[in-house]
PDB file of N, CA and C in Angstrom:
ATOM      1  N   MET A   1       0.868  -1.073   0.029  1.00  0.00           N
ATOM      2  CA  MET A   1      -0.044   0.080  -0.100  1.00  0.00           C
ATOM      3  C   MET A   1       0.947   1.176   0.096  1.00  0.00           C
ATOM      4  N   THR A   2       0.551   2.275  -0.879  1.00  0.00           N
ATOM      5  CA  THR A   2       1.350   3.460  -0.979  1.00  0.00           C
ATOM      6  C   THR A   2       0.534   4.587  -0.381  1.00  0.00           C
ATOM      7  N   PHE A   3       1.374   5.524   0.255  1.00  0.00           N
ATOM      8  CA  PHE A   3       0.668   6.841   0.487  1.00  0.00           C
ATOM      9  C   PHE A   3       0.125   7.561  -0.588  1.00  0.00           C
ATOM     10  N   SER A   4      -1.223   8.147  -0.272  1.00  0.00           N
ATOM     11  CA  SER A   4      -1.841   8.754  -1.439  1.00  0.00           C
ATOM     12  C   SER A   4      -2.540  10.030  -0.838  1.00  0.00           C
ATOM     13  N   HIS A   5      -2.376  11.341  -1.333  1.00  0.00           N
ATOM     14  CA  HIS A   5      -3.168  12.397  -0.725  1.00  0.00           C
ATOM     15  C   HIS A   5      -3.381  13.507  -1.955  1.00  0.00           C
ATOM     16  N   PRO A   6      -4.320  14.103  -1.907  1.00  0.00           N
ATOM     17  CA  PRO A   6      -4.742  15.057  -2.889  1.00  0.00           C
ATOM     18  C   PRO A   6      -3.566  16.179  -3.141  1.00  0.00           C
ATOM     19  N   LEU A   7      -3.020  16.441  -2.054  1.00  0.00           N
ATOM     20  CA  LEU A   7      -1.728  17.528  -2.054  1.00  0.00           C
ATOM     21  C   LEU A   7      -0.495  16.823  -2.465  1.00  0.00           C
ATOM     22  N   ALA A   8      -0.366  15.428  -2.471  1.00  0.00           N
ATOM     23  CA  ALA A   8       0.763  14.834  -2.974  1.00  0.00           C
ATOM     24  C   ALA A   8       0.633  14.448  -4.434  1.00  0.00           C
ATOM     25  N   ARG A   9       1.778  14.757  -4.981  1.00  0.00           N
ATOM     26  CA  ARG A   9       1.859  14.294  -6.542  1.00  0.00           C
ATOM     27  C   ARG A   9       2.472  12.897  -6.668  1.00  0.00           C
ATOM     28  N   ALA A  10       3.313  12.503  -5.807  1.00  0.00           N
ATOM     29  CA  ALA A  10       3.933  11.090  -5.684  1.00  0.00           C
ATOM     30  C   ALA A  10       4.400  10.798  -4.241  1.00  0.00           C
ATOM     31  N   ALA A  11       4.683   9.543  -3.936  1.00  0.00           N
ATOM     32  CA  ALA A  11       5.227   9.133  -2.709  1.00  0.00           C
ATOM     33  C   ALA A  11       5.950   8.141  -3.045  1.00  0.00           C
ATOM     34  N   LYS A  12       6.987   7.549  -2.209  1.00  0.00           N
ATOM     35  CA  LYS A  12       7.700   6.440  -2.310  1.00  0.00           C
ATOM     36  C   LYS A  12       8.520   6.238  -1.061  1.00  0.00           C
ATOM     37  N   ILE A  13       8.724   5.136  -0.644  1.00  0.00           N
ATOM     38  CA  ILE A  13       9.635   4.738   0.686  1.00  0.00           C
ATOM     39  C   ILE A  13      11.068   4.616   0.213  1.00  0.00           C
ATOM     40  N   TRP A  14      11.806   5.355   0.523  1.00  0.00           N
ATOM     41  CA  TRP A  14      13.297   5.156   0.218  1.00  0.00           C
ATOM     42  C   TRP A  14      14.140   4.915   1.510  1.00  0.00           C
ATOM     43  N   GLN A  15      15.309   4.103   1.191  1.00  0.00           N
ATOM     44  CA  GLN A  15      16.158   3.829   2.391  1.00  0.00           C
ATOM     45  C   GLN A  15      17.278   4.788   2.358  1.00  0.00           C
ATOM     46  N   GLY A  16      17.536   5.376   3.327  1.00  0.00           N
ATOM     47  CA  GLY A  16      18.714   6.345   3.438  1.00  0.00           C
ATOM     48  C   GLY A  16      19.636   5.892   4.479  1.00  0.00           C
ATOM     49  N   THR A  17      20.856   6.487   4.536  1.00  0.00           N
ATOM     50  CA  THR A  17      21.850   6.090   5.544  1.00  0.00           C
ATOM     51  C   THR A  17      21.812   7.207   6.538  1.00  0.00           C
ATOM     52  N   ALA A  18      21.729   6.849   8.044  1.00  0.00           N
ATOM     53  CA  ALA A  18      21.934   7.993   8.839  1.00  0.00           C
ATOM     54  C   ALA A  18      23.337   8.177   9.179  1.00  0.00           C
ATOM     55  N   MET A  19      23.567   9.194   9.933  1.00  0.00           N
ATOM     56  CA  MET A  19      25.096   9.623  10.127  1.00  0.00           C
ATOM     57  C   MET A  19      25.953   8.579  10.777  1.00  0.00           C
ATOM     58  N   ASP A  20      25.152   7.646  11.604  1.00  0.00           N
ATOM     59  CA  ASP A  20      25.947   6.679  12.219  1.00  0.00           C
ATOM     60  C   ASP A  20      26.149   5.433  11.435  1.00  0.00           C
ATOM     61  N   GLY A  21      25.610   5.467  10.030  1.00  0.00           N
ATOM     62  CA  GLY A  21      25.872   4.395   9.246  1.00  0.00           C
ATOM     63  C   GLY A  21      24.717   3.387   9.126  1.00  0.00           C
ATOM     64  N   SER A  22      23.548   3.641  10.057  1.00  0.00           N
ATOM     65  CA  SER A  22      22.508   2.801   9.922  1.00  0.00           C
ATOM     66  C   SER A  22      21.591   3.177   8.847  1.00  0.00           C
ATOM     67  N   LYS A  23      20.841   2.088   8.348  1.00  0.00           N
ATOM     68  CA  LYS A  23      19.908   2.137   7.425  1.00  0.00           C
ATOM     69  C   LYS A  23      18.590   2.706   7.744  1.00  0.00           C
ATOM     70  N   ARG A  24      17.989   3.740   7.275  1.00  0.00           N
ATOM     71  CA  ARG A  24      16.552   4.223   7.889  1.00  0.00           C
ATOM     72  C   ARG A  24      15.632   4.172   6.671  1.00  0.00           C
ATOM     73  N   ASP A  25      14.327   3.796   6.849  1.00  0.00           N
ATOM     74  CA  ASP A  25      13.478   3.922   5.730  1.00  0.00           C
ATOM     75  C   ASP A  25      12.465   5.071   6.089  1.00  0.00           C
ATOM     76  N   VAL A  26      12.482   6.025   4.955  1.00  0.00           N
ATOM     77  CA  VAL A  26      11.846   7.199   4.981  1.00  0.00           C
ATOM     78  C   VAL A  26      10.699   7.300   3.894  1.00  0.00           C
ATOM     79  N   LEU A  27       9.531   7.901   4.294  1.00  0.00           N
ATOM     80  CA  LEU A  27       8.626   8.112   3.280  1.00  0.00           C
ATOM     81  C   LEU A  27       8.917   9.473   2.699  1.00  0.00           C
ATOM     82  N   VAL A  28       8.988   9.502   1.421  1.00  0.00           N
ATOM     83  CA  VAL A  28       9.359  10.730   0.905  1.00  0.00           C
ATOM     84  C   VAL A  28       8.175  11.179  -0.101  1.00  0.00           C
ATOM     85  N   VAL A  29       7.458  12.330   0.208  1.00  0.00           N
ATOM     86  CA  VAL A  29       6.269  12.823  -0.267  1.00  0.00           C
ATOM     87  C   VAL A  29       6.723  13.921  -1.259  1.00  0.00           C
ATOM     88  N   ILE A  30       6.311  14.037  -2.624  1.00  0.00           N
ATOM     89  CA  ILE A  30       6.590  15.053  -3.498  1.00  0.00           C
ATOM     90  C   ILE A  30       5.299  15.822  -3.689  1.00  0.00           C
ATOM     91  N   THR A  31       5.333  17.103  -3.496  1.00  0.00           N
ATOM     92  CA  THR A  31       4.254  17.897  -3.655  1.00  0.00           C
ATOM     93  C   THR A  31       4.614  19.332  -4.611  1.00  0.00           C
ATOM     94  N   THR A  32       3.467  19.865  -5.096  1.00  0.00           N
ATOM     95  CA  THR A  32       3.865  21.224  -5.820  1.00  0.00           C
ATOM     96  C   THR A  32       3.485  22.265  -4.698  1.00  0.00           C
ATOM     97  N   LEU A  33       3.223  22.017  -3.572  1.00  0.00           N
ATOM     98  CA  LEU A  33       3.013  23.214  -2.395  1.00  0.00           C
ATOM     99  C   LEU A  33       4.366  23.824  -2.197  1.00  0.00           C
ATOM    100  N   GLU A  34       4.305  25.034  -2.063  1.00  0.00           N
ATOM    101  CA  GLU A  34       5.537  26.002  -1.702  1.00  0.00           C
ATOM    102  C   GLU A  34       5.984  25.428  -0.190  1.00  0.00           C
ATOM    103  N   LEU A  35       6.931  25.098   0.016  1.00  0.00           N
ATOM    104  CA  LEU A  35       7.374  24.585   1.190  1.00  0.00           C
ATOM    105  C   LEU A  35       8.224  25.515   2.042  1.00  0.00           C
ATOM    106  N   ASP A  36       8.685  26.552   1.583  1.00  0.00           N
ATOM    107  CA  ASP A  36       9.419  27.714   2.161  1.00  0.00           C
ATOM    108  C   ASP A  36       8.349  28.726   2.884  1.00  0.00           C
ATOM    109  N   PRO A  37       8.523  28.705   4.387  1.00  0.00           N
ATOM    110  CA  PRO A  37       7.639  29.621   5.113  1.00  0.00           C
ATOM    111  C   PRO A  37       7.701  31.094   4.811  1.00  0.00           C
ATOM    112  N   ASP A  38       8.815  31.409   4.150  1.00  0.00           N
ATOM    113  CA  ASP A  38       9.266  32.885   3.860  1.00  0.00           C
ATOM    114  C   ASP A  38       8.613  33.418   2.422  1.00  0.00           C
ATOM    115  N   SER A  39       8.137  32.230   1.879  1.00  0.00           N
ATOM    116  CA  SER A  39       7.407  32.663   0.516  1.00  0.00           C
ATOM    117  C   SER A  39       6.112  33.156   0.615  1.00  0.00           C
ATOM    118  N   LYS A  40       5.682  34.072  -0.277  1.00  0.00           N
ATOM    119  CA  LYS A  40       4.390  34.714  -0.236  1.00  0.00           C
ATOM    120  C   LYS A  40       3.358  33.545  -0.577  1.00  0.00           C
ATOM    121  N   LYS A  41       3.893  32.470  -1.376  1.00  0.00           N
ATOM    122  CA  LYS A  41       2.851  31.337  -1.903  1.00  0.00           C
ATOM    123  C   LYS A  41       2.759  30.290  -0.757  1.00  0.00           C
ATOM    124  N   TYR A  42       3.405  30.535   0.159  1.00  0.00           N
ATOM    125  CA  TYR A  42       3.473  29.457   1.199  1.00  0.00           C
ATOM    126  C   TYR A  42       2.085  29.390   1.943  1.00  0.00           C
ATOM    127  N   LYS A  43       1.382  28.185   1.802  1.00  0.00           N
ATOM    128  CA  LYS A  43       0.146  27.922   2.660  1.00  0.00           C
ATOM    129  C   LYS A  43       0.348  26.882   3.885  1.00  0.00           C
ATOM    130  N   LYS A  44       0.321  27.700   5.003  1.00  0.00           N
ATOM    131  CA  LYS A  44       0.785  26.848   6.109  1.00  0.00           C
ATOM    132  C   LYS A  44      -0.214  25.950   6.441  1.00  0.00           C
ATOM    133  N   ASP A  45      -1.550  26.018   6.274  1.00  0.00           N
ATOM    134  CA  ASP A  45      -2.763  25.207   6.703  1.00  0.00           C
ATOM    135  C   ASP A  45      -2.538  23.889   5.528  1.00  0.00           C
ATOM    136  N   LYS A  46      -2.132  24.204   4.351  1.00  0.00           N
ATOM    137  CA  LYS A  46      -2.184  23.107   3.358  1.00  0.00           C
ATOM    138  C   LYS A  46      -0.802  22.081   3.705  1.00  0.00           C
ATOM    139  N   VAL A  47       0.240  22.853   4.118  1.00  0.00           N
ATOM    140  CA  VAL A  47       1.550  21.891   4.288  1.00  0.00           C
ATOM    141  C   VAL A  47       1.226  21.081   5.656  1.00  0.00           C
ATOM    142  N   GLU A  48       0.628  21.771   6.679  1.00  0.00           N
ATOM    143  CA  GLU A  48       0.409  20.990   7.737  1.00  0.00           C
ATOM    144  C   GLU A  48      -0.725  19.950   7.570  1.00  0.00           C
ATOM    145  N   ARG A  49      -1.564  20.200   6.715  1.00  0.00           N
ATOM    146  CA  ARG A  49      -2.473  19.084   6.459  1.00  0.00           C
ATOM    147  C   ARG A  49      -1.817  17.978   5.843  1.00  0.00           C
ATOM    148  N   LEU A  50      -0.786  18.230   4.816  1.00  0.00           N
ATOM    149  CA  LEU A  50      -0.056  17.066   4.212  1.00  0.00           C
ATOM    150  C   LEU A  50       0.705  16.328   5.107  1.00  0.00           C
ATOM    151  N   ALA A  51       1.424  17.139   5.920  1.00  0.00           N
ATOM    152  CA  ALA A  51       2.313  16.692   6.957  1.00  0.00           C
ATOM    153  C   ALA A  51       1.453  15.575   8.033  1.00  0.00           C
ATOM    154  N   ALA A  52       0.409  16.282   8.576  1.00  0.00           N
ATOM    155  CA  ALA A  52      -0.381  15.284   9.410  1.00  0.00           C
ATOM    156  C   ALA A  52      -0.925  14.258   8.555  1.00  0.00           C
ATOM    157  N   ALA A  53      -1.284  14.094   7.338  1.00  0.00           N
ATOM    158  CA  ALA A  53      -1.613  13.039   6.861  1.00  0.00           C
ATOM    159  C   ALA A  53      -0.456  11.803   6.528  1.00  0.00           C
ATOM    160  N   ALA A  54       0.517  12.490   6.361  1.00  0.00           N
ATOM    161  CA  ALA A  54       1.864  11.464   6.225  1.00  0.00           C
ATOM    162  C   ALA A  54       2.249  11.028   7.576  1.00  0.00           C
ATOM    163  N   HIS A  55       2.154  11.583   8.622  1.00  0.00           N
ATOM    164  CA  HIS A  55       2.352  11.178  10.004  1.00  0.00           C
ATOM    165  C   HIS A  55       1.312  10.155  10.526  1.00  0.00           C
ATOM    166  N   GLU A  56      -0.108  10.276  10.089  1.00  0.00           N
ATOM    167  CA  GLU A  56      -0.905   9.342  10.379  1.00  0.00           C
ATOM    168  C   GLU A  56      -0.855   8.244   9.577  1.00  0.00           C
ATOM    169  N   TRP A  57      -0.342   8.298   8.337  1.00  0.00           N
ATOM    170  CA  TRP A  57      -0.378   7.104   7.428  1.00  0.00           C
ATOM    171  C   TRP A  57       0.929   6.349   7.942  1.00  0.00           C
ATOM    172  N   ILE A  58       1.912   6.945   8.452  1.00  0.00           N
ATOM    173  CA  ILE A  58       3.079   6.029   8.878  1.00  0.00           C
ATOM    174  C   ILE A  58       2.650   5.187  10.194  1.00  0.00           C
ATOM    175  N   SER A  59       1.837   5.894  11.022  1.00  0.00           N
ATOM    176  CA  SER A  59       1.487   5.437  12.541  1.00  0.00           C
ATOM    177  C   SER A  59       0.305   4.345  12.273  1.00  0.00           C
ATOM    178  N   THR A  60      -0.464   4.355  11.108  1.00  0.00           N
ATOM    179  CA  THR A  60      -1.453   3.418  10.977  1.00  0.00           C
ATOM    180  C   THR A  60      -1.019   2.207  10.145  1.00  0.00           C
ATOM    181  N   HIS A  61       0.075   2.042   9.478  1.00  0.00           N
ATOM    182  CA  HIS A  61       0.545   1.006   8.649  1.00  0.00           C
ATOM    183  C   HIS A  61       1.501   0.313   9.287  1.00  0.00           C
ATOM    184  N   SER A  62       1.695  -0.872   8.817  1.00  0.00           N
ATOM    185  CA  SER A  62       2.579  -1.865   9.718  1.00  0.00           C
ATOM    186  C   SER A  62       3.865  -1.777   8.937  1.00  0.00           C
ATOM    187  N   ILE A  63       4.095  -1.012   8.054  1.00  0.00           N
ATOM    188  CA  ILE A  63       5.394  -0.657   7.322  1.00  0.00           C
ATOM    189  C   ILE A  63       6.432   0.008   8.392  1.00  0.00           C
ATOM    190  N   PRO A  64       7.496  -0.584   8.886  1.00  0.00           N
ATOM    191  CA  PRO A  64       8.571   0.016   9.643  1.00  0.00           C
ATOM    192  C   PRO A  64       9.174   1.269   9.145  1.00  0.00           C
ATOM    193  N   LEU A  65       8.477   2.474   9.220  1.00  0.00           N
ATOM    194  CA  LEU A  65       9.299   3.710   8.723  1.00  0.00           C
ATOM    195  C   LEU A  65       9.766   4.688   9.849  1.00  0.00           C
ATOM    196  N   ASP A  66      10.864   5.181   9.596  1.00  0.00           N
ATOM    197  CA  ASP A  66      11.433   6.278  10.711  1.00  0.00           C
ATOM    198  C   ASP A  66      10.930   7.505  10.654  1.00  0.00           C
ATOM    199  N   SER A  67      10.555   8.035   9.481  1.00  0.00           N
ATOM    200  CA  SER A  67      10.220   9.482   9.383  1.00  0.00           C
ATOM    201  C   SER A  67       9.544   9.549   7.839  1.00  0.00           C
ATOM    202  N   PHE A  68       9.255  10.810   7.717  1.00  0.00           N
ATOM    203  CA  PHE A  68       8.652  11.349   6.454  1.00  0.00           C
ATOM    204  C   PHE A  68       9.458  12.580   5.970  1.00  0.00           C
ATOM    205  N   VAL A  69       9.571  12.884   4.703  1.00  0.00           N
ATOM    206  CA  VAL A  69       9.880  14.225   4.290  1.00  0.00           C
ATOM    207  C   VAL A  69       9.069  14.652   3.032  1.00  0.00           C
ATOM    208  N   LEU A  70       8.824  15.954   2.959  1.00  0.00           N
ATOM    209  CA  LEU A  70       8.106  16.646   2.236  1.00  0.00           C
ATOM    210  C   LEU A  70       9.028  17.394   1.211  1.00  0.00           C
ATOM    211  N   ILE A  71       9.025  17.149  -0.116  1.00  0.00           N
ATOM    212  CA  ILE A  71       9.958  17.837  -0.984  1.00  0.00           C
ATOM    213  C   ILE A  71       8.961  18.548  -2.119  1.00  0.00           C
ATOM    214  N   SER A  72       9.639  19.449  -2.795  1.00  0.00           N
ATOM    215  CA  SER A  72       9.098  20.108  -3.952  1.00  0.00           C
ATOM    216  C   SER A  72       9.534  19.020  -5.091  1.00  0.00           C
ATOM    217  N   ARG A  73       8.639  19.278  -6.197  1.00  0.00           N
ATOM    218  CA  ARG A  73       8.994  18.537  -7.528  1.00  0.00           C
ATOM    219  C   ARG A  73      10.309  19.005  -7.999  1.00  0.00           C
ATOM    220  N   PRO A  74      11.243  18.061  -8.375  1.00  0.00           N
ATOM    221  CA  PRO A  74      12.429  18.270  -8.894  1.00  0.00           C
ATOM    222  C   PRO A  74      12.448  19.290 -10.018  1.00  0.00           C
ATOM    223  N   LYS A  75      11.491  19.259 -10.791  1.00  0.00           N
ATOM    224  CA  LYS A  75      11.501  20.263 -11.874  1.00  0.00           C
ATOM    225  C   LYS A  75      11.273  21.699 -11.484  1.00  0.00           C
ATOM    226  N   ASP A  76      10.904  21.870 -10.219  1.00  0.00           N
ATOM    227  CA  ASP A  76      10.635  23.134  -9.556  1.00  0.00           C
ATOM    228  C   ASP A  76      11.946  23.777  -8.796  1.00  0.00           C
ATOM    229  N   TRP A  77      12.911  22.844  -8.900  1.00  0.00           N
ATOM    230  CA  TRP A  77      14.156  23.195  -7.872  1.00  0.00           C
ATOM    231  C   TRP A  77      14.879  24.317  -8.652  1.00  0.00           C
ATOM    232  N   GLY A  78      14.790  24.522  -9.893  1.00  0.00           N
ATOM    233  CA  GLY A  78      15.682  25.632 -10.524  1.00  0.00           C
ATOM    234  C   GLY A  78      14.949  26.795 -10.479  1.00  0.00           C
ATOM    235  N   GLU A  79      13.630  27.108 -10.012  1.00  0.00           N
ATOM    236  CA  GLU A  79      13.019  28.313 -10.185  1.00  0.00           C
ATOM    237  C   GLU A  79      13.473  29.427  -9.161  1.00  0.00           C
ATOM    238  N   ARG A  80      14.211  29.062  -8.249  1.00  0.00           N
ATOM    239  CA  ARG A  80      14.639  30.126  -7.181  1.00  0.00           C
ATOM    240  C   ARG A  80      15.825  30.924  -7.578  1.00  0.00           C
TER     241      ARG A  80
END
């Protein structure tokens, strides 16, 4: 089962390496929302709603995940 939400464009579980060398599974959620609180386009309520949904999804599924991260679409990275 994968994470799905109207504000998320995609989501995937990625395995990362922590600073101590241990492997950690993280839910990566890609969104078109502005994630910079200093931006005029930032919508705090929508970002919080998406983050809460990701947190709830992690806590209600039997997949052992350590955390989640919200990121902008890679094609939007160069617009700054």
